[in-house]
Amino acid sequence: MTASIVGWAHTPFGKFDAETVESLVVKVATEAMADAGISAADVDEIVLGHFNAGFSPQDFTASLVLQADPALRFKPATRVENACATGSAAVQAGVKSIAAGTAKIVLVVGVEQMTRTPGPEIGKNLLRASYLPEDGETPAGFAGVFGGIAQKYFQKYGDQSDALAMIAAKNHANGVHNPYAQMRKDFGFEFCRSESEKNPFVAGPLKRTDCSLVSDGAAALVLTDSETAKAMGKAVTIRSTAHAQDFLPMSKRDILLFEGCTVAWQRALEAAGVTLDDLSFVETHDCFTVAELIEYEAMGLTERGQGARAIKEGWTQKDGKLPVNPSGGLKAKGHPIGATGVSMHVLSAMQLLGQAPEGMQIKNAKLGGIFNMGGAAVANYVSVLEPAK
């Protein structure tokens, strides 16, 4: 039984001192149910994606969704977590309940509040998504982990600073058109390429413009089975999903290969009966620009070591052969961890129904791919979406 997305909600991402995890959850849960045209009584199951890892003093947050409506009381509610792929883990948990027939309507919510945490604590919290015996003392936190990956890539394939700056510039230009994005400013290639007081090096060859933003935000969607979806106001079919979990220690694998990403893409495309060439766009996990670069290779867009070709030849621009991150990606949109994967599904659904904001819409989008990653290519989730037929 295939699941379909029939409603959604999305807060802007940014720094929101007046919000809490609870208020963000309640807001998007309420709006998503209204958007789907259902009542709280119609919901059979709730899945909350919330990484936390010390960002919020309130843990055990699954039941916060019930605050959106008294009729949600006594509904099954579960919090899931898989590092930066937490949002997609929540979506896939909901899809499995639909497929198993244990739920007809599932409310999926993703949330994170990160900006209230002091800077040093942010780095410490994020490093919990790495293998602490090896990476726990990494300078600059998770940026340091990916800075090290970038250095290894440069050592093997040559200096890719131009390609990284082009990826950053692309995503920032795309983010200008995304009303939910935290940073809606087109910085241009020269700013992203050059070290400056406003764009200093953060870790290894990575500058500030190579790093995604610390964010607050939430997104939610309503899932149902495809038969029920036919009677709904709108529907986007989740044609396939895949999840490949890899070793946590980077010492046990070749970190430049992102092998879990490759496996997840292969499984999802095979299950959907399509190829990468069939996709109209991809939303991919650009927590750092070097991640997007390696993901070009891991998904099969280019050969290994040739990811720069995809950005330099314009393949991944909005008018290219495979637009990547038309939303602006994590780079411009922000990365409230538990919300990110849900956001990717919401924005992809909007694209496929022709409802993306002006300037962000991909013309004649028929099939969308999503890659959401937890840790350094440890938790790898892919979804393939299409408008319901």
Protein backbone atom coordinates (compact mmCIF):
# COMPACT_ATOMS: atom_id res chain seq x y z
CA MET A 1 0.00 0.00 0.00
CA THR A 2 1.51 3.32 -1.10
CA ALA A 3 1.38 6.40 1.12
CA SER A 4 0.50 9.87 -0.07
CA ILE A 5 1.10 13.33 1.36
CA VAL A 6 -2.25 15.13 1.52
CA GLY A 7 -1.49 18.21 3.62
CA TRP A 8 1.39 20.12 5.13
CA ALA A 9 2.65 23.10 7.07
CA HIS A 10 6.02 24.83 7.35
CA THR A 11 7.24 27.65 9.60
CA PRO A 12 9.95 29.99 8.42
CA PHE A 13 13.36 28.83 9.61
CA GLY A 14 15.47 31.25 11.63
CA LYS A 15 16.09 32.54 15.13
CA PHE A 16 12.87 32.76 17.15
CA ASP A 17 13.32 33.76 20.76
CA ALA A 18 9.57 33.94 21.33
CA GLU A 19 9.00 30.32 20.22
CA THR A 20 9.53 27.02 22.02
CA VAL A 21 9.66 23.45 20.77
CA GLU A 22 6.08 23.13 22.00
CA SER A 23 4.78 26.25 20.26
CA LEU A 24 6.47 25.28 16.97
CA VAL A 25 5.04 21.76 17.14
CA VAL A 26 1.53 22.96 17.93
CA LYS A 27 1.61 25.53 15.13
CA VAL A 28 2.56 23.16 12.31
CA ALA A 29 0.45 20.25 13.57
CA THR A 30 -2.63 22.46 13.64
CA GLU A 31 -1.91 23.97 10.23
CA ALA A 32 -1.10 20.64 8.56
CA MET A 33 -4.36 19.06 9.70
CA ALA A 34 -6.30 22.08 8.47
CA ASP A 35 -4.44 22.01 5.17
CA ALA A 36 -5.34 18.34 4.69
CA GLY A 37 -8.97 19.04 5.56
CA ILE A 38 -9.00 16.56 8.43
CA SER A 39 -9.85 16.84 12.10
CA ALA A 40 -7.68 15.71 14.97
CA ALA A 41 -10.14 12.87 15.54
CA ASP A 42 -9.24 11.50 12.08
CA VAL A 43 -5.58 11.00 13.01
CA ASP A 44 -4.63 7.41 13.79
CA GLU A 45 -0.97 7.91 14.67
CA ILE A 46 1.54 10.69 15.39
CA VAL A 47 5.27 10.58 14.66
CA LEU A 48 7.54 13.38 15.89
CA GLY A 49 11.05 13.89 14.58
CA HIS A 50 13.15 15.71 17.22
CA PHE A 51 16.92 15.32 17.52
CA ASN A 52 17.41 17.47 20.62
CA ALA A 53 20.81 16.17 21.90
CA GLY A 54 20.78 18.90 24.54
CA PHE A 55 19.34 21.78 22.51
CA SER A 56 16.08 21.76 24.46
CA PRO A 57 15.70 21.11 28.21
CA GLN A 58 12.37 19.48 27.42
CA ASP A 59 13.03 15.91 26.35
CA PHE A 60 10.33 13.21 25.91
CA THR A 61 8.57 15.44 23.39
CA ALA A 62 6.29 13.08 21.44
CA SER A 63 3.25 14.03 23.52
CA LEU A 64 3.73 17.74 22.84
CA VAL A 65 1.90 17.20 19.54
CA LEU A 66 -1.22 16.44 21.58
CA GLN A 67 -1.20 20.06 22.72
CA ALA A 68 -2.47 21.01 19.25
CA ASP A 69 -5.94 19.57 19.88
CA PRO A 70 -7.61 17.72 22.79
CA ALA A 71 -8.92 15.16 20.29
CA LEU A 72 -5.35 13.92 19.82
CA ARG A 73 -5.33 12.62 23.38
CA PHE A 74 -4.71 8.87 23.57
CA LYS A 75 -3.52 8.65 19.94
CA PRO A 76 -0.30 6.64 19.57
CA ALA A 77 2.57 9.15 19.49
CA THR A 78 6.24 8.28 19.08
CA ARG A 79 9.38 10.38 18.83
CA VAL A 80 12.03 9.14 16.40
CA GLU A 81 15.64 10.29 16.07
CA ASN A 82 18.42 9.53 13.60
CA ALA A 83 20.75 12.54 13.81
CA CYS A 84 20.34 15.03 10.97
CA ALA A 85 18.09 12.57 9.11
CA THR A 86 15.57 12.61 11.95
CA GLY A 87 12.86 14.26 9.83
CA SER A 88 13.02 11.63 7.10
CA ALA A 89 13.13 8.90 9.74
CA ALA A 90 9.81 10.27 11.01
CA VAL A 91 8.33 10.36 7.51
CA GLN A 92 9.40 6.80 6.78
CA ALA A 93 8.01 5.59 10.11
CA GLY A 94 4.66 7.04 9.07
CA VAL A 95 4.90 5.47 5.62
CA LYS A 96 5.53 2.06 7.21
CA SER A 97 2.42 2.37 9.39
CA ILE A 98 0.34 3.17 6.31
CA ALA A 99 1.89 0.24 4.43
CA ALA A 100 1.28 -2.12 7.35
CA GLY A 101 -2.36 -1.07 7.55
CA THR A 102 -2.04 -0.13 11.23
CA ALA A 103 -2.94 3.49 10.48
CA LYS A 104 -5.01 5.20 7.81
CA ILE A 105 -3.95 8.76 8.62
CA VAL A 106 -0.59 9.66 10.17
CA LEU A 107 0.48 13.11 11.33
CA VAL A 108 4.25 13.59 10.98
CA VAL A 109 5.96 16.56 12.64
CA GLY A 110 9.62 17.60 12.62
CA VAL A 111 11.01 20.26 14.94
CA GLU A 112 14.18 21.74 16.40
CA GLN A 113 15.09 24.79 18.42
CA MET A 114 18.84 25.37 18.33
CA THR A 115 19.52 29.11 18.57
CA ARG A 116 18.92 29.49 22.30
CA THR A 117 21.97 27.30 22.92
CA PRO A 118 25.34 29.05 23.43
CA GLY A 119 27.81 28.61 20.55
CA PRO A 120 30.23 26.19 22.24
CA GLU A 121 27.32 24.01 23.36
CA ILE A 122 25.94 23.93 19.80
CA GLY A 123 29.20 22.42 18.59
CA LYS A 124 29.22 19.91 21.43
CA ASN A 125 25.62 18.88 20.79
CA LEU A 126 26.20 18.40 17.07
CA LEU A 127 29.31 16.30 17.66
CA ARG A 128 27.03 13.77 19.35
CA ALA A 129 26.10 12.77 15.81
CA SER A 130 29.70 11.65 15.27
CA TYR A 131 31.68 8.76 16.77
CA LEU A 132 32.92 10.33 19.98
CA PRO A 133 35.86 7.98 20.67
CA GLU A 134 37.40 9.19 17.38
CA ASP A 135 35.84 12.60 16.73
CA GLY A 136 34.80 13.89 20.15
CA GLU A 137 37.62 16.42 20.39
CA THR A 138 37.37 17.73 16.83
CA PRO A 139 38.01 21.50 16.74
CA ALA A 140 35.08 23.52 15.33
CA GLY A 141 32.66 20.70 16.09
CA PHE A 142 30.81 19.08 13.20
CA ALA A 143 32.18 21.71 10.83
CA GLY A 144 35.57 20.32 11.78
CA VAL A 145 34.45 16.82 10.82
CA PHE A 146 33.38 17.97 7.36
CA GLY A 147 36.38 20.27 7.10
CA GLY A 148 38.50 17.15 7.47
CA ILE A 149 36.44 15.40 4.79
CA ALA A 150 36.96 18.38 2.48
CA GLN A 151 40.72 18.30 3.09
CA LYS A 152 40.87 14.61 2.21
CA TYR A 153 38.83 15.23 -0.94
CA PHE A 154 41.13 18.09 -1.98
CA GLN A 155 44.19 15.93 -1.36
CA LYS A 156 42.81 13.19 -3.60
CA TYR A 157 41.13 15.21 -6.35
CA GLY A 158 42.71 18.65 -6.16
CA ASP A 159 41.53 22.00 -4.80
CA GLN A 160 37.75 22.23 -5.23
CA SER A 161 37.29 25.68 -3.68
CA ASP A 162 35.74 27.03 -6.88
CA ALA A 163 33.18 24.22 -6.97
CA LEU A 164 32.27 24.65 -3.30
CA ALA A 165 31.79 28.40 -3.78
CA MET A 166 29.61 27.75 -6.84
CA ILE A 167 27.44 25.36 -4.82
CA ALA A 168 27.09 27.94 -2.04
CA ALA A 169 26.28 30.71 -4.52
CA LYS A 170 23.70 28.52 -6.30
CA ASN A 171 21.91 27.61 -3.12
CA HIS A 172 21.90 31.14 -1.77
CA ALA A 173 20.51 32.43 -5.08
CA ASN A 174 17.78 29.78 -4.94
CA GLY A 175 16.98 30.61 -1.33
CA VAL A 176 16.07 34.18 -2.25
CA HIS A 177 12.78 32.82 -3.62
CA ASN A 178 11.98 30.59 -0.63
CA PRO A 179 9.82 32.44 1.91
CA TYR A 180 10.69 29.81 4.55
CA ALA A 181 14.45 30.25 4.17
CA GLN A 182 16.47 31.72 7.02
CA MET A 183 18.87 33.56 4.70
CA ARG A 184 17.30 35.05 1.57
CA LYS A 185 20.33 36.78 0.12
CA ASP A 186 22.19 36.17 -3.14
CA PHE A 187 25.84 36.44 -2.12
CA GLY A 188 27.28 35.61 -5.53
CA PHE A 189 30.29 33.50 -6.41
CA GLU A 190 33.01 36.03 -5.60
CA PHE A 191 31.84 36.56 -2.02
CA CYS A 192 31.49 32.81 -1.42
CA ARG A 193 34.90 32.12 -2.98
CA SER A 194 36.86 34.78 -1.11
CA GLU A 195 38.01 34.76 2.48
CA SER A 196 36.93 37.94 4.24
CA GLU A 197 35.96 39.28 7.63
CA LYS A 198 32.37 38.31 6.86
CA ASN A 199 33.34 34.99 5.31
CA PRO A 200 36.23 33.58 7.33
CA PHE A 201 37.57 30.05 7.20
CA VAL A 202 35.72 27.87 9.74
CA ALA A 203 37.37 24.48 9.41
CA GLY A 204 39.94 23.26 6.90
CA PRO A 205 39.03 24.68 3.47
CA LEU A 206 35.43 25.39 4.54
CA LYS A 207 34.41 29.03 4.94
CA ARG A 208 31.30 30.36 6.62
CA THR A 209 29.41 30.26 3.31
CA ASP A 210 30.18 26.53 3.09
CA CYS A 211 28.29 25.76 6.31
CA SER A 212 24.55 25.41 6.90
CA LEU A 213 22.83 27.64 9.43
CA VAL A 214 21.91 26.97 13.04
CA SER A 215 18.14 27.30 13.04
CA ASP A 216 14.80 27.05 14.78
CA GLY A 217 11.80 25.77 12.88
CA ALA A 218 9.21 23.08 12.26
CA ALA A 219 7.39 21.36 9.43
CA ALA A 220 4.55 18.84 9.36
CA LEU A 221 2.71 16.69 6.87
CA VAL A 222 -0.28 14.38 6.80
CA LEU A 223 0.06 10.91 5.28
CA THR A 224 -2.69 8.57 4.17
CA ASP A 225 -3.03 5.56 1.89
CA SER A 226 -3.31 6.25 -1.82
CA GLU A 227 -6.92 5.06 -2.04
CA THR A 228 -8.04 7.48 0.68
CA ALA A 229 -5.93 10.21 -0.92
CA LYS A 230 -8.07 10.11 -4.07
CA ALA A 231 -10.88 11.76 -2.15
CA MET A 232 -8.62 14.47 -0.66
CA GLY A 233 -8.13 17.98 -2.01
CA LYS A 234 -4.54 17.30 -3.12
CA ALA A 235 -2.14 14.39 -2.99
CA VAL A 236 1.51 13.60 -3.70
CA THR A 237 2.43 9.93 -3.83
CA ILE A 238 5.53 8.68 -2.07
CA ARG A 239 6.52 6.30 -4.85
CA SER A 240 9.38 4.75 -2.94
CA THR A 241 11.56 5.16 0.15
CA ALA A 242 14.88 3.68 1.17
CA HIS A 243 17.08 3.78 4.24
CA ALA A 244 20.69 2.59 4.44
CA GLN A 245 22.55 2.84 7.75
CA ASP A 246 26.36 2.76 7.69
CA PHE A 247 29.06 2.39 10.34
CA LEU A 248 29.34 5.34 12.71
CA PRO A 249 33.17 5.42 12.87
CA MET A 250 34.62 6.97 9.74
CA SER A 251 37.69 4.78 10.26
CA LYS A 252 35.63 1.76 9.18
CA ARG A 253 34.82 3.13 5.71
CA ASP A 254 36.05 5.36 2.89
CA ILE A 255 34.43 8.63 3.89
CA LEU A 256 34.90 10.13 0.41
CA LEU A 257 32.52 7.56 -1.10
CA PHE A 258 29.32 8.21 0.90
CA GLU A 259 28.48 4.57 0.21
CA GLY A 260 25.29 4.62 2.27
CA CYS A 261 24.03 7.46 0.11
CA THR A 262 24.71 5.42 -3.01
CA VAL A 263 22.94 2.35 -1.63
CA ALA A 264 19.89 4.36 -0.52
CA TRP A 265 19.59 6.03 -3.94
CA GLN A 266 19.96 2.70 -5.76
CA ARG A 267 17.30 1.05 -3.60
CA ALA A 268 14.82 3.92 -3.91
CA LEU A 269 15.22 4.33 -7.66
CA GLU A 270 14.89 0.59 -8.24
CA ALA A 271 11.78 0.40 -6.05
CA ALA A 272 10.26 3.34 -7.93
CA GLY A 273 11.15 1.81 -11.28
CA VAL A 274 12.94 4.95 -12.45
CA THR A 275 16.46 6.24 -13.03
CA LEU A 276 18.18 9.41 -11.90
CA ASP A 277 17.60 10.83 -15.39
CA ASP A 278 13.83 10.62 -14.83
CA LEU A 279 13.91 13.03 -11.87
CA SER A 280 12.79 16.63 -12.34
CA PHE A 281 14.72 17.86 -9.29
CA VAL A 282 16.47 16.73 -6.13
CA GLU A 283 16.50 18.17 -2.62
CA THR A 284 19.76 16.95 -1.11
CA HIS A 285 21.48 17.29 2.23
CA ASP A 286 23.97 20.15 1.88
CA CYS A 287 24.84 20.51 5.55
CA PHE A 288 28.20 21.63 4.11
CA THR A 289 28.95 22.39 0.47
CA VAL A 290 31.42 19.50 0.30
CA ALA A 291 28.56 17.16 1.23
CA GLU A 292 26.54 18.28 -1.80
CA LEU A 293 29.64 17.88 -3.99
CA ILE A 294 30.22 14.28 -2.87
CA GLU A 295 26.48 13.54 -3.09
CA TYR A 296 26.56 14.36 -6.81
CA GLU A 297 28.95 11.45 -7.16
CA ALA A 298 27.23 9.15 -4.67
CA MET A 299 23.83 9.50 -6.36
CA GLY A 300 25.40 8.70 -9.72
CA LEU A 301 25.19 12.12 -11.34
CA THR A 302 28.95 12.07 -12.05
CA GLU A 303 31.86 9.69 -11.74
CA ARG A 304 33.85 9.64 -8.49
CA GLY A 305 36.06 12.66 -8.14
CA GLN A 306 34.17 14.56 -10.83
CA GLY A 307 31.39 16.14 -8.79
CA ALA A 308 32.68 19.61 -9.65
CA ARG A 309 31.65 19.00 -13.26
CA ALA A 310 27.95 18.97 -12.27
CA ILE A 311 28.09 22.46 -10.76
CA LYS A 312 30.61 23.98 -13.17
CA GLU A 313 28.65 22.86 -16.23
CA GLY A 314 25.35 24.07 -14.76
CA TRP A 315 23.68 20.67 -14.45
CA THR A 316 22.36 21.38 -10.95
CA GLN A 317 21.09 24.92 -11.53
CA LYS A 318 17.32 25.46 -11.58
CA ASP A 319 17.39 25.37 -15.39
CA GLY A 320 19.93 22.52 -15.56
CA LYS A 321 19.37 18.88 -16.41
CA LEU A 322 18.90 17.98 -12.71
CA PRO A 323 18.13 20.99 -10.49
CA VAL A 324 19.51 20.36 -7.01
CA ASN A 325 18.17 22.24 -3.98
CA PRO A 326 15.80 24.66 -5.72
CA SER A 327 14.66 25.52 -2.16
CA GLY A 328 18.12 26.87 -1.34
CA GLY A 329 18.93 23.70 0.58
CA LEU A 330 20.13 23.63 4.15
CA LYS A 331 22.74 26.20 3.12
CA ALA A 332 20.20 29.01 2.67
CA LYS A 333 17.07 27.55 4.22
CA GLY A 334 18.67 26.64 7.54
CA HIS A 335 18.99 23.29 9.28
CA PRO A 336 16.75 22.85 12.35
CA ILE A 337 17.76 19.22 12.56
CA GLY A 338 14.53 17.39 13.34
CA ALA A 339 12.57 19.54 10.89
CA THR A 340 14.90 19.25 7.90
CA GLY A 341 13.72 15.95 6.41
CA VAL A 342 10.05 16.85 6.85
CA SER A 343 10.75 20.23 5.23
CA MET A 344 12.35 18.48 2.24
CA HIS A 345 9.21 16.40 1.73
CA VAL A 346 6.88 19.39 2.11
CA LEU A 347 8.78 21.59 -0.33
CA SER A 348 9.11 18.73 -2.82
CA ALA A 349 5.37 18.09 -2.62
CA MET A 350 4.74 21.76 -3.33
CA GLN A 351 7.02 21.55 -6.38
CA LEU A 352 5.19 18.53 -7.76
CA LEU A 353 1.78 20.17 -7.47
CA GLY A 354 3.01 23.43 -9.01
CA GLN A 355 2.50 25.21 -5.69
CA ALA A 356 6.09 26.22 -4.94
CA PRO A 357 6.68 29.96 -4.41
CA GLU A 358 7.24 32.09 -7.49
CA GLY A 359 10.85 31.90 -8.60
CA MET A 360 11.37 28.59 -6.81
CA GLN A 361 9.06 26.47 -8.96
CA ILE A 362 10.70 23.98 -11.31
CA LYS A 363 8.80 23.99 -14.61
CA ASN A 364 6.75 20.86 -15.29
CA ALA A 365 8.10 18.99 -12.25
CA LYS A 366 6.91 15.38 -12.50
CA LEU A 367 9.20 13.39 -10.21
CA GLY A 368 11.22 14.55 -7.21
CA GLY A 369 14.04 12.92 -5.29
CA ILE A 370 15.01 13.62 -1.67
CA PHE A 371 18.22 12.70 0.12
CA ASN A 372 18.47 13.37 3.86
CA MET A 373 21.61 12.36 5.74
CA GLY A 374 22.39 11.84 9.41
CA GLY A 375 25.95 12.26 10.59
CA ALA A 376 28.76 11.92 8.05
CA ALA A 377 26.84 9.70 5.60
CA VAL A 378 25.76 7.35 8.42
CA ALA A 379 21.94 7.53 8.26
CA ASN A 380 20.94 7.75 4.60
CA TYR A 381 17.32 8.26 3.54
CA VAL A 382 15.95 8.65 0.02
CA SER A 383 12.37 9.28 -1.09
CA VAL A 384 10.96 9.48 -4.61
CA LEU A 385 7.77 11.53 -4.94
CA GLU A 386 5.28 12.17 -7.75
CA PRO A 387 1.86 13.81 -8.09
CA ALA A 388 -0.94 11.37 -7.35
CA LYS A 389 -2.49 9.95 -10.50
